[in-house]
Amino acid sequence: MSTRTDTRRAPARRAGGGGGTAPASAKRAAAREPGTARGRAAPGGHGRAPRIPFVLLVLCLLGGALVGLLVLRSVIAQEAFVITSLQAENRELSQEEQQRRNNVAHLEASERISEEAESMGMEQGEAPLFLDPENGEIAGSAGSGE
């Protein structure tokens, strides 16, 4: 007989008896097994991703899109207002230009010029006299309308 002590551990008992608790290594192995409540998903299995970050991301994207649309609509509305005011100003300027053209056409009329000249005391001139350089004769007379 020897005096040595056996330092090896006895195998864990699974069926009721003994200490009633399994060693820590056996618990860890059971936690790693697929199909247990605490175990990781098996390769190729469907794991469950956290939903809160995804929902927050979607809400932020929707909120950003909404704010972007509101800004875009306000810019478009402002530009439409500017366009409308410029069109109204253009219409007014076109009418003013047309009035000025009509005024200039009226002022250039020969009848108006002659009436204004007579009102200032001017008289119509007589028929012009023409000098013939070859003969030295004067064509037309001071009193005639030739």
Protein backbone atom coordinates (compact mmCIF):
# COMPACT_ATOMS: atom_id res chain seq x y z
CA MET A 1 0.00 0.00 0.00
CA SER A 2 1.01 3.44 -0.74
CA THR A 3 0.68 6.55 1.26
CA ARG A 4 -0.20 8.75 -1.69
CA THR A 5 -3.55 10.48 -1.82
CA ASP A 6 -5.57 10.56 -4.98
CA THR A 7 -5.99 14.21 -5.96
CA ARG A 8 -8.25 13.63 -8.94
CA ARG A 9 -11.83 14.71 -8.63
CA ALA A 10 -14.65 12.33 -8.89
CA PRO A 11 -16.97 12.77 -11.87
CA ALA A 12 -19.98 14.98 -11.24
CA ARG A 13 -23.12 13.18 -10.36
CA ARG A 14 -26.08 14.14 -12.46
CA ALA A 15 -28.81 12.07 -11.04
CA GLY A 16 -29.78 13.25 -7.57
CA GLY A 17 -27.41 12.22 -4.86
CA GLY A 18 -24.33 13.61 -3.35
CA GLY A 19 -23.94 17.41 -3.13
CA GLY A 20 -26.85 18.38 -5.42
CA THR A 21 -24.90 21.08 -7.31
CA ALA A 22 -22.93 20.66 -10.46
CA PRO A 23 -19.41 22.06 -10.71
CA ALA A 24 -18.92 25.52 -12.32
CA SER A 25 -17.35 24.07 -15.48
CA ALA A 26 -20.46 21.96 -16.08
CA LYS A 27 -22.68 25.05 -15.71
CA ARG A 28 -20.59 26.97 -18.22
CA ALA A 29 -20.78 24.12 -20.70
CA ALA A 30 -24.55 23.93 -20.30
CA ALA A 31 -24.84 27.69 -20.91
CA ARG A 32 -22.96 27.31 -24.18
CA GLU A 33 -25.20 24.58 -25.51
CA PRO A 34 -27.63 25.70 -28.21
CA GLY A 35 -31.24 25.47 -27.25
CA THR A 36 -30.80 26.57 -23.67
CA ALA A 37 -32.37 29.81 -22.50
CA ARG A 38 -29.03 31.46 -21.80
CA GLY A 39 -27.06 30.00 -24.68
CA ARG A 40 -25.94 31.85 -27.74
CA ALA A 41 -27.73 31.31 -31.02
CA ALA A 42 -26.47 28.49 -33.12
CA PRO A 43 -24.50 29.42 -36.24
CA GLY A 44 -26.96 30.23 -39.01
CA GLY A 45 -29.75 30.69 -36.47
CA HIS A 46 -31.75 33.84 -36.07
CA GLY A 47 -30.40 36.03 -33.30
CA ARG A 48 -32.39 38.89 -31.91
CA ALA A 49 -30.88 42.33 -32.45
CA PRO A 50 -31.72 45.16 -30.07
CA ARG A 51 -34.71 47.11 -31.40
CA ILE A 52 -34.33 50.46 -29.64
CA PRO A 53 -31.33 51.75 -31.66
CA PHE A 54 -33.02 50.77 -34.92
CA VAL A 55 -36.29 52.45 -33.94
CA LEU A 56 -34.41 55.60 -32.89
CA LEU A 57 -32.53 55.60 -36.19
CA VAL A 58 -35.75 55.31 -38.18
CA LEU A 59 -37.42 58.04 -36.12
CA CYS A 60 -34.43 60.34 -36.58
CA LEU A 61 -34.44 59.74 -40.33
CA LEU A 62 -38.18 60.43 -40.54
CA GLY A 63 -37.81 63.56 -38.42
CA GLY A 64 -34.92 64.79 -40.56
CA ALA A 65 -36.90 64.15 -43.72
CA LEU A 66 -39.89 66.04 -42.28
CA VAL A 67 -37.75 69.03 -41.29
CA GLY A 68 -36.09 68.98 -44.72
CA LEU A 69 -39.47 69.00 -46.46
CA LEU A 70 -40.70 71.88 -44.31
CA VAL A 71 -37.59 73.93 -45.08
CA LEU A 72 -37.89 73.14 -48.78
CA ARG A 73 -41.57 74.12 -48.86
CA SER A 74 -40.89 77.41 -47.07
CA VAL A 75 -38.06 78.27 -49.48
CA ILE A 76 -40.28 77.44 -52.46
CA ALA A 77 -43.12 79.55 -51.03
CA GLN A 78 -40.76 82.47 -50.47
CA GLU A 79 -39.41 82.20 -54.02
CA ALA A 80 -42.98 82.03 -55.37
CA PHE A 81 -43.80 85.24 -53.50
CA VAL A 82 -40.73 86.95 -54.97
CA ILE A 83 -41.66 85.74 -58.46
CA THR A 84 -45.22 87.02 -58.07
CA SER A 85 -44.06 90.46 -56.91
CA LEU A 86 -41.54 90.68 -59.77
CA GLN A 87 -44.23 89.75 -62.30
CA ALA A 88 -46.53 92.48 -60.93
CA GLU A 89 -43.69 95.01 -61.12
CA ASN A 90 -42.94 93.90 -64.69
CA ARG A 91 -46.60 94.39 -65.66
CA GLU A 92 -46.60 97.91 -64.20
CA LEU A 93 -43.38 98.82 -65.99
CA SER A 94 -44.75 97.49 -69.29
CA GLN A 95 -47.88 99.62 -68.92
CA GLU A 96 -45.78 102.68 -68.10
CA GLU A 97 -43.57 102.02 -71.13
CA GLN A 98 -46.63 101.73 -73.38
CA GLN A 99 -48.02 105.02 -72.02
CA ARG A 100 -44.71 106.76 -72.69
CA ARG A 101 -44.56 105.37 -76.24
CA ASN A 102 -48.09 106.67 -76.87
CA ASN A 103 -47.10 110.05 -75.42
CA VAL A 104 -44.01 110.26 -77.65
CA ALA A 105 -46.05 109.28 -80.71
CA HIS A 106 -48.57 112.04 -79.90
CA LEU A 107 -45.80 114.62 -79.39
CA GLU A 108 -44.15 113.69 -82.72
CA ALA A 109 -47.33 114.15 -84.75
CA SER A 110 -46.93 116.93 -87.36
CA GLU A 111 -50.42 118.30 -86.74
CA ARG A 112 -49.68 118.89 -83.08
CA ILE A 113 -46.33 120.50 -83.90
CA SER A 114 -47.95 122.92 -86.38
CA GLU A 115 -50.75 123.80 -83.91
CA GLU A 116 -48.22 124.48 -81.17
CA ALA A 117 -46.11 126.59 -83.53
CA GLU A 118 -49.13 128.69 -84.53
CA SER A 119 -50.09 129.12 -80.88
CA MET A 120 -46.60 130.52 -80.27
CA GLY A 121 -47.10 133.07 -83.04
CA MET A 122 -45.23 131.40 -85.85
CA GLU A 123 -46.60 131.69 -89.38
CA GLN A 124 -46.38 129.30 -92.27
CA GLY A 125 -43.70 130.19 -94.73
CA GLU A 126 -44.31 131.02 -98.33
CA ALA A 127 -43.51 128.70 -101.15
CA PRO A 128 -39.77 128.47 -101.68
CA LEU A 129 -37.98 130.20 -104.53
CA PHE A 130 -35.46 128.24 -106.60
CA LEU A 131 -32.46 129.72 -108.44
CA ASP A 132 -31.50 128.11 -111.73
CA PRO A 133 -27.67 128.40 -111.93
CA GLU A 134 -27.47 127.88 -115.71
CA ASN A 135 -29.90 130.61 -116.69
CA GLY A 136 -29.68 132.67 -113.55
CA GLU A 137 -33.46 132.78 -113.38
CA ILE A 138 -35.54 132.46 -110.25
CA ALA A 139 -38.22 129.82 -110.42
CA GLY A 140 -41.43 130.35 -108.51
CA SER A 141 -42.76 133.59 -107.18
CA ALA A 142 -43.00 135.00 -103.73
CA GLY A 143 -46.78 135.08 -103.82
CA SER A 144 -47.53 131.96 -105.83
CA GLY A 145 -47.78 128.43 -104.59
CA GLU A 146 -45.69 126.84 -107.40
